[in-house]
Amino acid sequence: MRHRNKGRKLGRNPKHQRALLRSLASALLLTERDAEFDENKPKVKGRIITTISKAKEVRPLIEKCITIARRSLGAQAEAAGLGTTAERGTQEWKAWRTSDRWNAWAQAISPAVAARRRCIQLLGDKQAVGILFSEIAPRFANRPGGYTRIVRLAQPRLGDAGVQAILEFVGVRDRVVQRSQKPAFEDTSDAPTEAAAAEA
């Protein structure tokens, strides 16, 4: 019996399951990178194709990481106002480092650093976490959830006929629903009515 054992095993032991989900989540985030000169660049940014059961399992992990990154945006903005543009090791930087402003900056930046460390712990890929915090989190700053979608593909996978699905970020290739317009009938109030024509 599977009392309180949620989730899919995906034919793997628990460590292999975690490694699979981390690699899928990192792969989705890494499709957003600037890979113009890479040999293995993604065909479409912000999209991976996998089986539907794997997509349903990795989706909560990705959404959790995006939420953590999105909540740290305020701390990053506050710390940016208290920081300095001086180069490290210069006199100006040393003066800033010993001032009260540095203490305020350290207090402001600490939630953002903790959020980055948490995402690195969840994903295990520093490059993916960098893309998450620099590009994806600001994109979803005003969205309270639902950052990804799963679209089932009609064609099964070759070899084992597994049901395939697309896992992608929302907001880029959204369908725009166009409502049909109400037909405009000609205004017949100026024309004589049938009853008035019969009286005449």
N, C-alpha and C. Protein backbone atom coordinates (compact mmCIF):
# COMPACT_ATOMS: atom_id res chain seq x y z
N MET A 1 0.84 -1.19 0.00
CA MET A 1 0.00 0.00 0.00
C MET A 1 0.88 1.25 0.00
N ARG A 2 0.35 2.32 -0.61
CA ARG A 2 1.13 3.56 -0.77
C ARG A 2 0.54 4.67 0.08
N HIS A 3 0.33 4.39 1.36
CA HIS A 3 -0.25 5.42 2.21
C HIS A 3 0.71 6.60 2.33
N ARG A 4 0.25 7.77 1.98
CA ARG A 4 0.99 9.04 2.09
C ARG A 4 2.26 9.08 1.25
N ASN A 5 2.38 8.19 0.29
CA ASN A 5 3.52 8.23 -0.63
C ASN A 5 3.06 8.89 -1.91
N LYS A 6 3.21 10.19 -1.98
CA LYS A 6 2.72 10.90 -3.17
C LYS A 6 3.81 10.95 -4.23
N GLY A 7 3.40 11.23 -5.43
CA GLY A 7 4.35 11.37 -6.53
C GLY A 7 4.54 10.08 -7.30
N ARG A 8 5.19 10.21 -8.44
CA ARG A 8 5.44 9.08 -9.32
C ARG A 8 6.86 8.57 -9.10
N LYS A 9 7.05 7.27 -9.20
CA LYS A 9 8.38 6.70 -9.03
C LYS A 9 9.20 6.79 -10.32
N LEU A 10 8.53 6.79 -11.46
CA LEU A 10 9.17 6.92 -12.77
C LEU A 10 10.20 5.81 -13.02
N GLY A 11 10.02 4.67 -12.39
CA GLY A 11 10.90 3.52 -12.61
C GLY A 11 12.31 3.73 -12.09
N ARG A 12 12.47 4.54 -11.05
CA ARG A 12 13.81 4.87 -10.53
C ARG A 12 13.80 4.83 -9.02
N ASN A 13 14.98 4.70 -8.43
CA ASN A 13 15.06 4.80 -6.98
C ASN A 13 15.02 6.28 -6.59
N PRO A 14 14.83 6.60 -5.31
CA PRO A 14 14.61 8.00 -4.92
C PRO A 14 15.73 8.97 -5.32
N LYS A 15 16.98 8.56 -5.20
CA LYS A 15 18.08 9.46 -5.59
C LYS A 15 18.06 9.72 -7.09
N HIS A 16 17.77 8.69 -7.85
CA HIS A 16 17.70 8.85 -9.30
C HIS A 16 16.51 9.74 -9.68
N GLN A 17 15.40 9.62 -8.96
CA GLN A 17 14.24 10.48 -9.21
C GLN A 17 14.61 11.95 -9.01
N ARG A 18 15.27 12.25 -7.88
CA ARG A 18 15.66 13.64 -7.60
C ARG A 18 16.62 14.17 -8.65
N ALA A 19 17.57 13.32 -9.05
CA ALA A 19 18.54 13.75 -10.07
C ALA A 19 17.84 14.03 -11.40
N LEU A 20 16.86 13.20 -11.75
CA LEU A 20 16.11 13.39 -12.99
C LEU A 20 15.34 14.70 -12.96
N LEU A 21 14.65 14.98 -11.85
CA LEU A 21 13.85 16.20 -11.75
C LEU A 21 14.73 17.44 -11.76
N ARG A 22 15.88 17.37 -11.08
CA ARG A 22 16.81 18.51 -11.09
C ARG A 22 17.32 18.78 -12.50
N SER A 23 17.67 17.73 -13.22
CA SER A 23 18.23 17.93 -14.57
C SER A 23 17.17 18.45 -15.53
N LEU A 24 15.92 17.98 -15.39
CA LEU A 24 14.85 18.50 -16.25
C LEU A 24 14.56 19.97 -15.95
N ALA A 25 14.52 20.33 -14.66
CA ALA A 25 14.27 21.73 -14.29
C ALA A 25 15.41 22.62 -14.77
N SER A 26 16.65 22.17 -14.61
CA SER A 26 17.79 22.96 -15.07
C SER A 26 17.78 23.09 -16.59
N ALA A 27 17.40 22.01 -17.28
CA ALA A 27 17.35 22.04 -18.74
C ALA A 27 16.34 23.07 -19.23
N LEU A 28 15.18 23.15 -18.56
CA LEU A 28 14.17 24.15 -18.96
C LEU A 28 14.68 25.56 -18.73
N LEU A 29 15.35 25.79 -17.60
CA LEU A 29 15.89 27.13 -17.32
C LEU A 29 17.03 27.48 -18.27
N LEU A 30 17.85 26.50 -18.63
CA LEU A 30 19.00 26.77 -19.50
C LEU A 30 18.60 27.02 -20.95
N THR A 31 17.36 26.67 -21.33
CA THR A 31 16.93 27.00 -22.69
C THR A 31 16.77 28.50 -22.87
N GLU A 32 16.67 29.25 -21.77
CA GLU A 32 16.53 30.71 -21.84
C GLU A 32 17.86 31.43 -22.01
N ARG A 33 18.97 30.71 -21.92
CA ARG A 33 20.28 31.36 -22.00
C ARG A 33 20.55 31.83 -23.43
N ASP A 34 21.53 32.70 -23.56
CA ASP A 34 21.95 33.18 -24.87
C ASP A 34 22.90 32.13 -25.45
N ALA A 35 22.38 31.25 -26.30
CA ALA A 35 23.15 30.12 -26.81
C ALA A 35 23.33 30.21 -28.32
N GLU A 36 23.65 31.40 -28.79
CA GLU A 36 23.75 31.61 -30.23
C GLU A 36 24.87 30.78 -30.85
N PHE A 37 26.01 30.67 -30.16
CA PHE A 37 27.16 29.98 -30.74
C PHE A 37 27.38 28.59 -30.14
N ASP A 38 26.43 28.11 -29.32
CA ASP A 38 26.56 26.77 -28.76
C ASP A 38 26.28 25.71 -29.82
N GLU A 39 26.96 24.57 -29.69
CA GLU A 39 26.69 23.46 -30.61
C GLU A 39 25.32 22.84 -30.32
N ASN A 40 24.94 22.83 -29.04
CA ASN A 40 23.69 22.19 -28.64
C ASN A 40 22.67 23.24 -28.19
N LYS A 41 22.44 24.24 -29.03
CA LYS A 41 21.51 25.30 -28.62
C LYS A 41 20.07 24.81 -28.73
N PRO A 42 19.19 25.34 -27.87
CA PRO A 42 17.80 24.87 -27.88
C PRO A 42 17.07 25.34 -29.14
N LYS A 43 16.14 24.51 -29.61
CA LYS A 43 15.36 24.86 -30.80
C LYS A 43 14.41 26.01 -30.51
N VAL A 44 13.75 25.94 -29.35
CA VAL A 44 12.81 26.98 -28.93
C VAL A 44 13.15 27.37 -27.50
N LYS A 45 13.25 28.67 -27.24
CA LYS A 45 13.57 29.14 -25.88
C LYS A 45 12.39 28.89 -24.95
N GLY A 46 12.72 28.46 -23.72
CA GLY A 46 11.69 28.29 -22.71
C GLY A 46 10.80 27.10 -22.91
N ARG A 47 11.31 26.03 -23.56
CA ARG A 47 10.47 24.87 -23.84
C ARG A 47 11.31 23.60 -23.89
N ILE A 48 10.83 22.55 -23.24
CA ILE A 48 11.44 21.23 -23.39
C ILE A 48 10.34 20.23 -23.70
N ILE A 49 10.73 19.12 -24.34
CA ILE A 49 9.79 18.04 -24.65
C ILE A 49 10.21 16.83 -23.84
N THR A 50 9.26 16.26 -23.10
CA THR A 50 9.51 15.09 -22.27
C THR A 50 8.22 14.29 -22.19
N THR A 51 8.21 13.23 -21.41
CA THR A 51 6.97 12.48 -21.24
C THR A 51 6.04 13.25 -20.31
N ILE A 52 4.76 12.96 -20.42
CA ILE A 52 3.79 13.74 -19.65
C ILE A 52 3.92 13.50 -18.16
N SER A 53 4.27 12.29 -17.76
CA SER A 53 4.40 12.02 -16.32
C SER A 53 5.62 12.73 -15.74
N LYS A 54 6.73 12.79 -16.49
CA LYS A 54 7.90 13.54 -16.02
C LYS A 54 7.59 15.03 -15.95
N ALA A 55 6.86 15.54 -16.93
CA ALA A 55 6.50 16.96 -16.94
C ALA A 55 5.64 17.31 -15.74
N LYS A 56 4.70 16.44 -15.39
CA LYS A 56 3.83 16.70 -14.24
C LYS A 56 4.60 16.64 -12.92
N GLU A 57 5.66 15.86 -12.87
CA GLU A 57 6.46 15.76 -11.66
C GLU A 57 7.41 16.94 -11.50
N VAL A 58 7.98 17.43 -12.61
CA VAL A 58 8.99 18.50 -12.51
C VAL A 58 8.35 19.88 -12.40
N ARG A 59 7.11 20.01 -12.78
CA ARG A 59 6.45 21.31 -12.77
C ARG A 59 6.42 21.96 -11.38
N PRO A 60 6.05 21.24 -10.30
CA PRO A 60 6.07 21.89 -8.97
C PRO A 60 7.45 22.37 -8.55
N LEU A 61 8.50 21.64 -8.92
CA LEU A 61 9.86 22.06 -8.57
C LEU A 61 10.22 23.38 -9.25
N ILE A 62 9.90 23.50 -10.53
CA ILE A 62 10.20 24.73 -11.26
C ILE A 62 9.40 25.90 -10.70
N GLU A 63 8.12 25.67 -10.45
CA GLU A 63 7.27 26.75 -9.93
C GLU A 63 7.73 27.20 -8.54
N LYS A 64 8.19 26.26 -7.71
CA LYS A 64 8.69 26.62 -6.39
C LYS A 64 9.94 27.48 -6.51
N CYS A 65 10.86 27.12 -7.41
CA CYS A 65 12.09 27.89 -7.58
C CYS A 65 11.78 29.30 -8.10
N ILE A 66 10.84 29.41 -9.03
CA ILE A 66 10.49 30.73 -9.57
C ILE A 66 9.85 31.59 -8.48
N THR A 67 9.03 31.00 -7.63
CA THR A 67 8.41 31.75 -6.54
C THR A 67 9.46 32.25 -5.55
N ILE A 68 10.43 31.41 -5.23
CA ILE A 68 11.51 31.82 -4.32
C ILE A 68 12.27 33.00 -4.93
N ALA A 69 12.59 32.90 -6.22
CA ALA A 69 13.34 33.96 -6.88
C ALA A 69 12.52 35.24 -6.99
N ARG A 70 11.22 35.09 -7.26
CA ARG A 70 10.34 36.26 -7.42
C ARG A 70 10.20 37.02 -6.10
N ARG A 71 10.15 36.29 -5.00
CA ARG A 71 10.00 36.95 -3.69
C ARG A 71 11.27 37.68 -3.26
N SER A 72 12.40 37.33 -3.85
CA SER A 72 13.66 37.99 -3.48
C SER A 72 13.92 39.25 -4.30
N LEU A 73 13.07 39.57 -5.26
CA LEU A 73 13.30 40.74 -6.11
C LEU A 73 13.27 42.04 -5.32
N GLY A 74 12.40 42.13 -4.33
CA GLY A 74 12.33 43.34 -3.51
C GLY A 74 13.61 43.58 -2.73
N ALA A 75 14.18 42.50 -2.19
CA ALA A 75 15.44 42.64 -1.45
C ALA A 75 16.57 43.05 -2.37
N GLN A 76 16.58 42.51 -3.60
CA GLN A 76 17.62 42.89 -4.57
C GLN A 76 17.51 44.36 -4.95
N ALA A 77 16.28 44.84 -5.15
CA ALA A 77 16.09 46.24 -5.52
C ALA A 77 16.50 47.17 -4.38
N GLU A 78 16.16 46.79 -3.15
CA GLU A 78 16.53 47.61 -2.00
C GLU A 78 18.05 47.66 -1.82
N ALA A 79 18.71 46.51 -2.01
CA ALA A 79 20.16 46.46 -1.87
C ALA A 79 20.86 47.23 -2.97
N ALA A 80 20.27 47.25 -4.18
CA ALA A 80 20.88 47.99 -5.28
C ALA A 80 20.94 49.48 -4.98
N GLY A 81 19.96 49.99 -4.25
CA GLY A 81 19.97 51.40 -3.89
C GLY A 81 21.01 51.75 -2.83
N LEU A 82 21.41 50.77 -2.04
CA LEU A 82 22.38 51.02 -0.97
C LEU A 82 23.80 50.65 -1.37
N GLY A 83 23.99 50.03 -2.52
CA GLY A 83 25.31 49.58 -2.95
C GLY A 83 26.18 50.71 -3.46
N THR A 84 27.35 50.35 -3.94
CA THR A 84 28.29 51.32 -4.49
C THR A 84 28.76 50.85 -5.86
N THR A 85 29.15 51.81 -6.68
CA THR A 85 29.67 51.47 -8.01
C THR A 85 31.19 51.46 -8.04
N ALA A 86 31.81 51.72 -6.89
CA ALA A 86 33.27 51.77 -6.84
C ALA A 86 33.85 50.37 -7.03
N GLU A 87 35.04 50.32 -7.63
CA GLU A 87 35.71 49.05 -7.83
C GLU A 87 36.25 48.53 -6.52
N ARG A 88 36.25 47.22 -6.39
CA ARG A 88 36.68 46.59 -5.14
C ARG A 88 38.16 46.89 -4.88
N GLY A 89 38.46 47.29 -3.65
CA GLY A 89 39.83 47.57 -3.27
C GLY A 89 40.23 49.04 -3.36
N THR A 90 39.41 49.87 -3.99
CA THR A 90 39.73 51.30 -4.09
C THR A 90 39.41 51.99 -2.77
N GLN A 91 39.89 53.21 -2.65
CA GLN A 91 39.66 53.99 -1.43
C GLN A 91 38.17 54.25 -1.21
N GLU A 92 37.47 54.55 -2.30
CA GLU A 92 36.03 54.81 -2.19
C GLU A 92 35.29 53.56 -1.70
N TRP A 93 35.69 52.40 -2.22
CA TRP A 93 35.06 51.14 -1.81
C TRP A 93 35.37 50.85 -0.34
N LYS A 94 36.60 51.11 0.08
CA LYS A 94 36.97 50.87 1.48
C LYS A 94 36.20 51.79 2.42
N ALA A 95 35.98 53.03 1.99
CA ALA A 95 35.19 53.96 2.81
C ALA A 95 33.74 53.48 2.92
N TRP A 96 33.19 53.00 1.80
CA TRP A 96 31.82 52.47 1.83
C TRP A 96 31.73 51.22 2.70
N ARG A 97 32.77 50.41 2.66
CA ARG A 97 32.79 49.14 3.40
C ARG A 97 32.81 49.37 4.91
N THR A 98 33.38 50.46 5.36
CA THR A 98 33.43 50.75 6.80
C THR A 98 32.30 51.66 7.26
N SER A 99 31.42 52.08 6.36
CA SER A 99 30.34 52.99 6.74
C SER A 99 29.11 52.21 7.21
N ASP A 100 28.13 52.97 7.69
CA ASP A 100 26.86 52.37 8.12
C ASP A 100 26.04 51.90 6.92
N ARG A 101 26.32 52.50 5.76
CA ARG A 101 25.59 52.11 4.56
C ARG A 101 25.87 50.66 4.18
N TRP A 102 27.09 50.22 4.46
CA TRP A 102 27.43 48.83 4.13
C TRP A 102 26.62 47.87 5.00
N ASN A 103 26.44 48.22 6.28
CA ASN A 103 25.63 47.37 7.17
C ASN A 103 24.19 47.30 6.69
N ALA A 104 23.65 48.44 6.25
CA ALA A 104 22.28 48.44 5.72
C ALA A 104 22.20 47.61 4.44
N TRP A 105 23.24 47.71 3.59
CA TRP A 105 23.27 46.92 2.36
C TRP A 105 23.32 45.43 2.68
N ALA A 106 24.14 45.05 3.66
CA ALA A 106 24.27 43.64 4.04
C ALA A 106 22.94 43.10 4.58
N GLN A 107 22.23 43.92 5.35
CA GLN A 107 20.92 43.49 5.86
C GLN A 107 19.91 43.34 4.72
N ALA A 108 19.99 44.24 3.72
CA ALA A 108 19.02 44.20 2.62
C ALA A 108 19.29 43.05 1.67
N ILE A 109 20.57 42.72 1.43
CA ILE A 109 20.90 41.70 0.43
C ILE A 109 20.79 40.28 0.97
N SER A 110 20.77 40.11 2.30
CA SER A 110 20.80 38.76 2.86
C SER A 110 19.61 37.88 2.46
N PRO A 111 18.35 38.39 2.35
CA PRO A 111 17.28 37.51 1.87
C PRO A 111 17.49 37.05 0.42
N ALA A 112 18.07 37.90 -0.41
CA ALA A 112 18.31 37.52 -1.80
C ALA A 112 19.40 36.45 -1.88
N VAL A 113 20.43 36.57 -1.06
CA VAL A 113 21.49 35.57 -1.04
C VAL A 113 20.95 34.24 -0.54
N ALA A 114 20.10 34.28 0.50
CA ALA A 114 19.50 33.06 1.03
C ALA A 114 18.62 32.39 -0.02
N ALA A 115 17.90 33.20 -0.81
CA ALA A 115 17.04 32.65 -1.86
C ALA A 115 17.88 31.98 -2.94
N ARG A 116 18.99 32.60 -3.32
CA ARG A 116 19.88 31.98 -4.32
C ARG A 116 20.44 30.66 -3.82
N ARG A 117 20.84 30.63 -2.56
CA ARG A 117 21.39 29.39 -2.00
C ARG A 117 20.34 28.30 -1.95
N ARG A 118 19.11 28.66 -1.64
CA ARG A 118 18.02 27.68 -1.61
C ARG A 118 17.77 27.12 -3.00
N CYS A 119 17.79 27.96 -4.02
CA CYS A 119 17.56 27.49 -5.38
C CYS A 119 18.72 26.63 -5.88
N ILE A 120 19.94 26.98 -5.48
CA ILE A 120 21.09 26.14 -5.85
C ILE A 120 20.96 24.78 -5.18
N GLN A 121 20.44 24.75 -3.96
CA GLN A 121 20.23 23.49 -3.26
C GLN A 121 19.17 22.65 -3.98
N LEU A 122 18.12 23.29 -4.48
CA LEU A 122 17.05 22.56 -5.15
C LEU A 122 17.44 22.11 -6.55
N LEU A 123 18.16 22.96 -7.29
CA LEU A 123 18.46 22.66 -8.69
C LEU A 123 19.84 22.05 -8.91
N GLY A 124 20.81 22.47 -8.12
CA GLY A 124 22.15 21.93 -8.27
C GLY A 124 22.91 22.45 -9.47
N ASP A 125 22.50 23.59 -10.05
CA ASP A 125 23.17 24.14 -11.23
C ASP A 125 23.25 25.65 -11.08
N LYS A 126 24.46 26.18 -10.91
CA LYS A 126 24.62 27.63 -10.67
C LYS A 126 24.26 28.45 -11.89
N GLN A 127 24.55 27.94 -13.09
CA GLN A 127 24.21 28.69 -14.30
C GLN A 127 22.69 28.81 -14.45
N ALA A 128 21.97 27.73 -14.17
CA ALA A 128 20.51 27.77 -14.25
C ALA A 128 19.93 28.73 -13.21
N VAL A 129 20.51 28.76 -12.02
CA VAL A 129 20.03 29.67 -10.97
C VAL A 129 20.31 31.11 -11.36
N GLY A 130 21.45 31.37 -12.00
CA GLY A 130 21.74 32.72 -12.47
C GLY A 130 20.72 33.20 -13.49
N ILE A 131 20.35 32.33 -14.42
CA ILE A 131 19.32 32.68 -15.41
C ILE A 131 17.97 32.87 -14.73
N LEU A 132 17.68 32.04 -13.75
CA LEU A 132 16.42 32.15 -13.02
C LEU A 132 16.27 33.52 -12.35
N PHE A 133 17.33 33.99 -11.69
CA PHE A 133 17.25 35.25 -10.96
C PHE A 133 17.38 36.46 -11.87
N SER A 134 18.12 36.34 -12.97
CA SER A 134 18.34 37.52 -13.81
C SER A 134 17.26 37.72 -14.87
N GLU A 135 16.71 36.65 -15.42
CA GLU A 135 15.78 36.78 -16.55
C GLU A 135 14.36 36.34 -16.22
N ILE A 136 14.22 35.18 -15.59
CA ILE A 136 12.88 34.61 -15.45
C ILE A 136 12.09 35.23 -14.30
N ALA A 137 12.73 35.44 -13.15
CA ALA A 137 12.01 36.02 -12.01
C ALA A 137 11.47 37.42 -12.30
N PRO A 138 12.26 38.34 -12.94
CA PRO A 138 11.67 39.65 -13.27
C PRO A 138 10.51 39.56 -14.26
N ARG A 139 10.53 38.56 -15.12
CA ARG A 139 9.44 38.40 -16.10
C ARG A 139 8.12 38.07 -15.40
N PHE A 140 8.20 37.29 -14.32
CA PHE A 140 6.98 36.88 -13.61
C PHE A 140 6.80 37.66 -12.30
N ALA A 141 7.33 38.88 -12.23
CA ALA A 141 7.28 39.65 -10.98
C ALA A 141 5.85 39.93 -10.53
N ASN A 142 4.92 40.13 -11.44
CA ASN A 142 3.55 40.47 -11.07
C ASN A 142 2.59 39.30 -11.21
N ARG A 143 3.14 38.09 -11.39
CA ARG A 143 2.28 36.91 -11.57
C ARG A 143 2.35 36.06 -10.30
N PRO A 144 1.22 35.79 -9.66
CA PRO A 144 1.26 35.08 -8.37
C PRO A 144 1.43 33.57 -8.46
N GLY A 145 1.53 33.00 -9.63
CA GLY A 145 1.71 31.56 -9.76
C GLY A 145 1.36 31.12 -11.17
N GLY A 146 1.50 29.84 -11.45
CA GLY A 146 1.16 29.33 -12.77
C GLY A 146 2.13 29.81 -13.83
N TYR A 147 3.42 29.55 -13.62
CA TYR A 147 4.44 30.07 -14.53
C TYR A 147 4.69 29.15 -15.71
N THR A 148 4.24 27.91 -15.65
CA THR A 148 4.50 26.95 -16.72
C THR A 148 3.20 26.31 -17.18
N ARG A 149 3.25 25.72 -18.36
CA ARG A 149 2.10 24.97 -18.87
C ARG A 149 2.60 23.66 -19.46
N ILE A 150 1.73 22.67 -19.45
CA ILE A 150 2.02 21.37 -20.04
C ILE A 150 1.04 21.17 -21.19
N VAL A 151 1.58 20.92 -22.38
CA VAL A 151 0.75 20.69 -23.56
C VAL A 151 1.04 19.28 -24.06
N ARG A 152 0.02 18.46 -24.10
CA ARG A 152 0.18 17.08 -24.55
C ARG A 152 0.37 17.05 -26.06
N LEU A 153 1.33 16.25 -26.51
CA LEU A 153 1.58 16.11 -27.94
C LEU A 153 0.80 14.92 -28.49
N ALA A 154 0.38 15.03 -29.74
CA ALA A 154 -0.42 13.97 -30.34
C ALA A 154 0.43 12.75 -30.72
N GLN A 155 1.67 13.00 -31.13
CA GLN A 155 2.51 11.90 -31.60
C GLN A 155 3.25 11.26 -30.44
N PRO A 156 3.14 9.94 -30.26
CA PRO A 156 3.86 9.28 -29.16
C PRO A 156 5.35 9.18 -29.47
N ARG A 157 6.12 8.88 -28.43
CA ARG A 157 7.56 8.76 -28.58
C ARG A 157 7.90 7.50 -29.34
N LEU A 158 8.88 7.61 -30.22
CA LEU A 158 9.32 6.44 -30.96
C LEU A 158 10.02 5.47 -30.01
N GLY A 159 9.81 4.21 -30.20
CA GLY A 159 10.49 3.22 -29.37
C GLY A 159 9.56 2.58 -28.36
N ASP A 160 8.97 3.39 -27.48
CA ASP A 160 8.09 2.81 -26.47
C ASP A 160 6.69 3.40 -26.49
N ALA A 161 6.41 4.28 -27.45
CA ALA A 161 5.08 4.89 -27.61
C ALA A 161 4.63 5.62 -26.35
N GLY A 162 5.60 6.23 -25.62
CA GLY A 162 5.24 7.01 -24.44
C GLY A 162 4.56 8.31 -24.83
N VAL A 163 3.61 8.75 -24.02
CA VAL A 163 2.88 9.99 -24.31
C VAL A 163 3.81 11.16 -24.04
N GLN A 164 4.06 11.98 -25.06
CA GLN A 164 4.96 13.11 -24.92
C GLN A 164 4.20 14.39 -24.62
N ALA A 165 4.91 15.34 -24.04
CA ALA A 165 4.31 16.63 -23.70
C ALA A 165 5.36 17.72 -23.79
N ILE A 166 4.89 18.94 -24.00
CA ILE A 166 5.75 20.13 -23.99
C ILE A 166 5.58 20.79 -22.63
N LEU A 167 6.70 21.09 -21.99
CA LEU A 167 6.70 21.87 -20.75
C LEU A 167 7.34 23.21 -21.09
N GLU A 168 6.58 24.30 -20.94
CA GLU A 168 7.09 25.61 -21.35
C GLU A 168 6.62 26.69 -20.40
N PHE A 169 7.32 27.83 -20.45
CA PHE A 169 6.93 29.00 -19.67
C PHE A 169 5.76 29.70 -20.34
N VAL A 170 4.87 30.25 -19.54
CA VAL A 170 3.73 30.98 -20.09
C VAL A 170 4.16 32.41 -20.41
N GLY A 171 3.36 33.08 -21.21
CA GLY A 171 3.60 34.49 -21.50
C GLY A 171 4.31 34.76 -22.79
N VAL A 172 4.87 33.75 -23.44
CA VAL A 172 5.59 33.98 -24.68
C VAL A 172 4.74 33.55 -25.87
N ARG A 173 4.25 32.33 -25.84
CA ARG A 173 3.45 31.81 -26.94
C ARG A 173 2.01 31.57 -26.49
N ASP A 174 1.44 32.54 -25.81
CA ASP A 174 0.07 32.40 -25.34
C ASP A 174 -0.89 32.58 -26.52
N ARG A 175 -1.97 31.82 -26.47
CA ARG A 175 -3.00 31.98 -27.49
C ARG A 175 -3.85 33.20 -27.13
N VAL A 176 -4.14 34.00 -28.11
CA VAL A 176 -4.99 35.17 -27.90
C VAL A 176 -6.38 34.80 -28.39
N VAL A 177 -7.33 34.78 -27.47
CA VAL A 177 -8.70 34.41 -27.82
C VAL A 177 -9.40 35.64 -28.37
N GLN A 178 -9.82 35.54 -29.61
CA GLN A 178 -10.55 36.65 -30.22
C GLN A 178 -12.02 36.29 -30.27
N ARG A 179 -12.80 37.09 -29.61
CA ARG A 179 -14.23 36.82 -29.57
C ARG A 179 -14.85 37.33 -30.86
N SER A 180 -15.79 36.55 -31.38
CA SER A 180 -16.46 36.97 -32.61
C SER A 180 -17.36 38.15 -32.30
N GLN A 181 -17.44 39.05 -33.27
CA GLN A 181 -18.24 40.26 -33.06
C GLN A 181 -19.70 40.00 -33.39
N LYS A 182 -20.53 40.70 -32.69
CA LYS A 182 -21.96 40.57 -32.90
C LYS A 182 -22.28 41.13 -34.30
N PRO A 183 -23.08 40.42 -35.05
CA PRO A 183 -23.39 40.94 -36.38
C PRO A 183 -24.17 42.26 -36.28
N ALA A 184 -23.82 43.20 -37.14
CA ALA A 184 -24.48 44.51 -37.13
C ALA A 184 -25.56 44.51 -38.20
N PHE A 185 -26.80 44.61 -37.75
CA PHE A 185 -27.91 44.66 -38.69
C PHE A 185 -28.19 46.11 -39.06
N GLU A 186 -28.70 46.30 -40.25
CA GLU A 186 -29.00 47.67 -40.69
C GLU A 186 -30.16 48.22 -39.88
N ASP A 187 -30.06 49.49 -39.57
CA ASP A 187 -31.11 50.15 -38.79
C ASP A 187 -32.29 50.43 -39.72
N THR A 188 -33.41 49.82 -39.43
CA THR A 188 -34.60 49.96 -40.29
C THR A 188 -35.63 50.91 -39.69
N SER A 189 -35.23 51.72 -38.72
CA SER A 189 -36.20 52.62 -38.09
C SER A 189 -36.61 53.75 -39.02
N ASP A 190 -35.75 54.15 -39.96
CA ASP A 190 -36.09 55.23 -40.88
C ASP A 190 -37.03 54.75 -42.00
N ALA A 191 -36.92 53.49 -42.35
CA ALA A 191 -37.77 52.95 -43.42
C ALA A 191 -39.19 52.79 -42.90
N PRO A 192 -40.17 52.95 -43.77
CA PRO A 192 -41.56 52.79 -43.31
C PRO A 192 -41.83 51.33 -42.94
N THR A 193 -42.56 51.17 -41.88
CA THR A 193 -42.89 49.82 -41.44
C THR A 193 -43.97 49.24 -42.32
N GLU A 194 -44.18 47.93 -42.19
CA GLU A 194 -45.18 47.25 -43.02
C GLU A 194 -46.60 47.74 -42.68
N ALA A 195 -46.81 48.01 -41.39
CA ALA A 195 -48.16 48.45 -40.99
C ALA A 195 -48.46 49.86 -41.55
N ALA A 196 -47.43 50.73 -41.53
CA ALA A 196 -47.63 52.07 -42.06
C ALA A 196 -47.80 52.01 -43.57
N ALA A 197 -47.11 51.10 -44.22
CA ALA A 197 -47.24 50.97 -45.68
C ALA A 197 -48.62 50.43 -46.04
N ALA A 198 -49.18 49.56 -45.22
CA ALA A 198 -50.51 48.98 -45.47
C ALA A 198 -51.60 50.06 -45.31
N GLU A 199 -51.44 50.99 -44.36
CA GLU A 199 -52.42 52.06 -44.16
C GLU A 199 -52.40 53.06 -45.30
N ALA A 200 -51.24 53.26 -45.92
CA ALA A 200 -51.14 54.28 -46.95
C ALA A 200 -51.69 53.87 -48.26
